[in-house]
Amino acid sequence: MPNTRTDYQLALQQLTDSALPTGAFAHSLGFEGYIERGIVRDHHTFSIWLHAFLAQQLTYSDGLAIRFLYEGAGLEDLDARLSACLLAREVREASLKMGGRLLDIGAEVFPSAELSGYRNQVREGTAAGHQPLAFAVVARSLGVPLPEALAAYFFAAITSLTQNAVRAVPLGQNAGQRVLRNAHDAAAAAVQDVARLCWDDFGAVAPGLEISQMRHERQRARMFMS
């Protein structure tokens, strides 16, 4: 098990690498609906959507779940709360599919007693297996400090979404890199926001984002599963 800063940083880079086969390439988590309506149409408008998604869903749901787990909240309780917070069926299923893959990968390359326990709960049907919780279990077992775990999770998420937008909008590769560079400050701000929020804030997501996510499954033509 990694026990130095260099060790856990290398493990964290592997855990958040876009090549990790969790299936993130198959999900837009709502932005494809904005493309269909002509709201997201270039790197500037996608960047606006990405910053809003980061400041809302990634902060108030995923980020808070990671923080609360680090602080000792019950895994089953957080798992159930995430299932309730993710109103859009496709987005909820995306979290479970990517979480399941992350649990399987983690069991092979970053095994721990807590990860094994969570994986068994998912298999037994007593937990759903959400992506942010799977990530938090692995990161905590590796000794990754909470701020670094949050920053890595946020940036991995927005990197995957940007790569998907490069294909879907479409954006140029360099434009995608500009979007990511412009998101650095927003990701850092999201880490700070997570630190100041409380339980009452958990799951507070912009209704417009959730409505777009719900509409996606009835969209006439789709590239992504969510």
Foldseek 3Di string as FASTA:
>chain_A
DADDPVRLVVVLCVLLPLPQPLPLLQDLLQVLLCLVVVQDQALVSVLVVLLQCCQFVCQQALLLLLVVVVVPDDPLVSQVLNCVLQPAPLNSVSQLSSQLSLLVVCCVPPNDPVSVVVNVCCVVVSGRGGNSSSLSVSSVSNVNDSLVSQLSVSLSNSLSNLVSCCPRSNYDPVSSVVSSVVCNVSSNVSSVVSVPDDPVSHSDGDPVRSVSSNCVVVDPDDRHSD
